[in-house]
Amino acid sequence: ICQTIKGKDVSFMENNPAFHGKAPSKEEMAQALKELAD
């Protein structure tokens, strides 16, 4: 069993249960990709 962090390194997704099983909007996806690239 692994200990993981849902949404790791994306400020508005990390440990946010609202994003479990929910696709991000186009704007949220753009922001997430920007944060992951930094």
PDB file of N, CA and C in Angstrom:
ATOM      1  N   ILE A   1       0.849  -1.174   0.000  1.00  0.00           N
ATOM      2  CA  ILE A   1       0.000   0.000   0.000  1.00  0.00           C
ATOM      3  C   ILE A   1       0.893   1.235   0.000  1.00  0.00           C
ATOM      4  N   CYS A   2       0.569   2.149  -0.876  1.00  0.00           N
ATOM      5  CA  CYS A   2       1.357   3.384  -1.013  1.00  0.00           C
ATOM      6  C   CYS A   2       0.679   4.541  -0.286  1.00  0.00           C
ATOM      7  N   GLN A   3       1.498   5.429   0.191  1.00  0.00           N
ATOM      8  CA  GLN A   3       1.007   6.681   0.763  1.00  0.00           C
ATOM      9  C   GLN A   3       1.168   7.735  -0.328  1.00  0.00           C
ATOM     10  N   THR A   4       0.069   8.224  -0.864  1.00  0.00           N
ATOM     11  CA  THR A   4       0.126   9.198  -1.952  1.00  0.00           C
ATOM     12  C   THR A   4      -0.605  10.480  -1.563  1.00  0.00           C
ATOM     13  N   ILE A   5      -0.344  11.516  -2.325  1.00  0.00           N
ATOM     14  CA  ILE A   5      -1.016  12.800  -2.133  1.00  0.00           C
ATOM     15  C   ILE A   5      -1.748  13.122  -3.427  1.00  0.00           C
ATOM     16  N   LYS A   6      -3.072  13.141  -3.359  1.00  0.00           N
ATOM     17  CA  LYS A   6      -3.873  13.456  -4.550  1.00  0.00           C
ATOM     18  C   LYS A   6      -3.606  14.889  -4.993  1.00  0.00           C
ATOM     19  N   GLY A   7      -3.336  15.068  -6.268  1.00  0.00           N
ATOM     20  CA  GLY A   7      -3.129  16.402  -6.815  1.00  0.00           C
ATOM     21  C   GLY A   7      -1.809  17.043  -6.442  1.00  0.00           C
ATOM     22  N   LYS A   8      -0.819  16.234  -6.091  1.00  0.00           N
ATOM     23  CA  LYS A   8       0.481  16.736  -5.625  1.00  0.00           C
ATOM     24  C   LYS A   8       1.040  17.802  -6.556  1.00  0.00           C
ATOM     25  N   ASP A   9       1.485  18.904  -5.975  1.00  0.00           N
ATOM     26  CA  ASP A   9       2.138  20.032  -6.649  1.00  0.00           C
ATOM     27  C   ASP A   9       1.213  20.913  -7.482  1.00  0.00           C
ATOM     28  N   VAL A  10      -0.082  20.731  -7.367  1.00  0.00           N
ATOM     29  CA  VAL A  10      -1.045  21.639  -8.006  1.00  0.00           C
ATOM     30  C   VAL A  10      -1.831  22.284  -6.866  1.00  0.00           C
ATOM     31  N   SER A  11      -1.621  23.570  -6.655  1.00  0.00           N
ATOM     32  CA  SER A  11      -2.099  24.265  -5.453  1.00  0.00           C
ATOM     33  C   SER A  11      -3.575  24.037  -5.142  1.00  0.00           C
ATOM     34  N   PHE A  12      -4.440  24.114  -6.127  1.00  0.00           N
ATOM     35  CA  PHE A  12      -5.870  24.012  -5.858  1.00  0.00           C
ATOM     36  C   PHE A  12      -6.386  22.577  -5.869  1.00  0.00           C
ATOM     37  N   MET A  13      -5.543  21.610  -6.260  1.00  0.00           N
ATOM     38  CA  MET A  13      -5.947  20.202  -6.279  1.00  0.00           C
ATOM     39  C   MET A  13      -5.370  19.393  -5.117  1.00  0.00           C
ATOM     40  N   GLU A  14      -4.217  19.791  -4.622  1.00  0.00           N
ATOM     41  CA  GLU A  14      -3.526  18.998  -3.608  1.00  0.00           C
ATOM     42  C   GLU A  14      -4.392  18.829  -2.361  1.00  0.00           C
ATOM     43  N   ASN A  15      -4.638  17.569  -2.027  1.00  0.00           N
ATOM     44  CA  ASN A  15      -5.458  17.189  -0.862  1.00  0.00           C
ATOM     45  C   ASN A  15      -6.869  17.763  -0.900  1.00  0.00           C
ATOM     46  N   ASN A  16      -7.374  18.038  -2.087  1.00  0.00           N
ATOM     47  CA  ASN A  16      -8.729  18.561  -2.247  1.00  0.00           C
ATOM     48  C   ASN A  16      -9.616  17.425  -2.754  1.00  0.00           C
ATOM     49  N   PRO A  17     -10.460  16.846  -1.889  1.00  0.00           N
ATOM     50  CA  PRO A  17     -11.279  15.708  -2.307  1.00  0.00           C
ATOM     51  C   PRO A  17     -12.276  16.041  -3.422  1.00  0.00           C
ATOM     52  N   ALA A  18     -12.552  17.304  -3.662  1.00  0.00           N
ATOM     53  CA  ALA A  18     -13.478  17.688  -4.733  1.00  0.00           C
ATOM     54  C   ALA A  18     -12.939  17.294  -6.108  1.00  0.00           C
ATOM     55  N   PHE A  19     -11.620  17.116  -6.231  1.00  0.00           N
ATOM     56  CA  PHE A  19     -11.038  16.764  -7.524  1.00  0.00           C
ATOM     57  C   PHE A  19     -10.845  15.262  -7.700  1.00  0.00           C
ATOM     58  N   HIS A  20     -11.271  14.466  -6.751  1.00  0.00           N
ATOM     59  CA  HIS A  20     -11.159  13.012  -6.881  1.00  0.00           C
ATOM     60  C   HIS A  20     -12.263  12.527  -7.820  1.00  0.00           C
ATOM     61  N   GLY A  21     -11.884  12.132  -9.026  1.00  0.00           N
ATOM     62  CA  GLY A  21     -12.854  11.655 -10.002  1.00  0.00           C
ATOM     63  C   GLY A  21     -13.516  12.756 -10.811  1.00  0.00           C
ATOM     64  N   LYS A  22     -13.036  13.989 -10.691  1.00  0.00           N
ATOM     65  CA  LYS A  22     -13.609  15.122 -11.433  1.00  0.00           C
ATOM     66  C   LYS A  22     -12.562  15.653 -12.404  1.00  0.00           C
ATOM     67  N   ALA A  23     -12.962  15.825 -13.633  1.00  0.00           N
ATOM     68  CA  ALA A  23     -12.047  16.394 -14.625  1.00  0.00           C
ATOM     69  C   ALA A  23     -11.946  17.902 -14.423  1.00  0.00           C
ATOM     70  N   PRO A  24     -10.742  18.456 -14.538  1.00  0.00           N
ATOM     71  CA  PRO A  24     -10.601  19.907 -14.413  1.00  0.00           C
ATOM     72  C   PRO A  24     -11.155  20.619 -15.649  1.00  0.00           C
ATOM     73  N   SER A  25     -11.562  21.865 -15.457  1.00  0.00           N
ATOM     74  CA  SER A  25     -12.002  22.681 -16.592  1.00  0.00           C
ATOM     75  C   SER A  25     -10.777  23.031 -17.437  1.00  0.00           C
ATOM     76  N   LYS A  26     -10.997  23.626 -18.588  1.00  0.00           N
ATOM     77  CA  LYS A  26      -9.874  24.035 -19.443  1.00  0.00           C
ATOM     78  C   LYS A  26      -8.969  25.022 -18.715  1.00  0.00           C
ATOM     79  N   GLU A  27      -9.576  25.948 -17.981  1.00  0.00           N
ATOM     80  CA  GLU A  27      -8.792  26.942 -17.240  1.00  0.00           C
ATOM     81  C   GLU A  27      -7.997  26.285 -16.109  1.00  0.00           C
ATOM     82  N   GLU A  28      -8.641  25.360 -15.394  1.00  0.00           N
ATOM     83  CA  GLU A  28      -7.953  24.646 -14.312  1.00  0.00           C
ATOM     84  C   GLU A  28      -6.809  23.806 -14.863  1.00  0.00           C
ATOM     85  N   MET A  29      -7.025  23.171 -15.994  1.00  0.00           N
ATOM     86  CA  MET A  29      -5.978  22.353 -16.609  1.00  0.00           C
ATOM     87  C   MET A  29      -4.788  23.212 -17.006  1.00  0.00           C
ATOM     88  N   ALA A  30      -5.048  24.370 -17.589  1.00  0.00           N
ATOM     89  CA  ALA A  30      -3.964  25.272 -17.979  1.00  0.00           C
ATOM     90  C   ALA A  30      -3.160  25.702 -16.757  1.00  0.00           C
ATOM     91  N   GLN A  31      -3.851  26.038 -15.671  1.00  0.00           N
ATOM     92  CA  GLN A  31      -3.167  26.447 -14.442  1.00  0.00           C
ATOM     93  C   GLN A  31      -2.365  25.285 -13.859  1.00  0.00           C
ATOM     94  N   ALA A  32      -2.937  24.095 -13.851  1.00  0.00           N
ATOM     95  CA  ALA A  32      -2.246  22.920 -13.312  1.00  0.00           C
ATOM     96  C   ALA A  32      -0.980  22.624 -14.110  1.00  0.00           C
ATOM     97  N   LEU A  33      -1.061  22.660 -15.422  1.00  0.00           N
ATOM     98  CA  LEU A  33       0.113  22.400 -16.259  1.00  0.00           C
ATOM     99  C   LEU A  33       1.192  23.451 -16.036  1.00  0.00           C
ATOM    100  N   LYS A  34       0.782  24.699 -15.849  1.00  0.00           N
ATOM    101  CA  LYS A  34       1.744  25.775 -15.568  1.00  0.00           C
ATOM    102  C   LYS A  34       2.459  25.513 -14.243  1.00  0.00           C
ATOM    103  N   GLU A  35       1.705  25.144 -13.217  1.00  0.00           N
ATOM    104  CA  GLU A  35       2.304  24.879 -11.909  1.00  0.00           C
ATOM    105  C   GLU A  35       3.240  23.674 -11.963  1.00  0.00           C
ATOM    106  N   LEU A  36       2.873  22.648 -12.706  1.00  0.00           N
ATOM    107  CA  LEU A  36       3.714  21.452 -12.793  1.00  0.00           C
ATOM    108  C   LEU A  36       4.996  21.714 -13.575  1.00  0.00           C
ATOM    109  N   ALA A  37       4.956  22.668 -14.494  1.00  0.00           N
ATOM    110  CA  ALA A  37       6.140  22.987 -15.296  1.00  0.00           C
ATOM    111  C   ALA A  37       7.160  23.804 -14.510  1.00  0.00           C
ATOM    112  N   ASP A  38       6.704  24.507 -13.481  1.00  0.00           N
ATOM    113  CA  ASP A  38       7.603  25.362 -12.687  1.00  0.00           C
ATOM    114  C   ASP A  38       8.517  24.556 -11.794  1.00  0.00           C
TER     115      ASP A  38
END
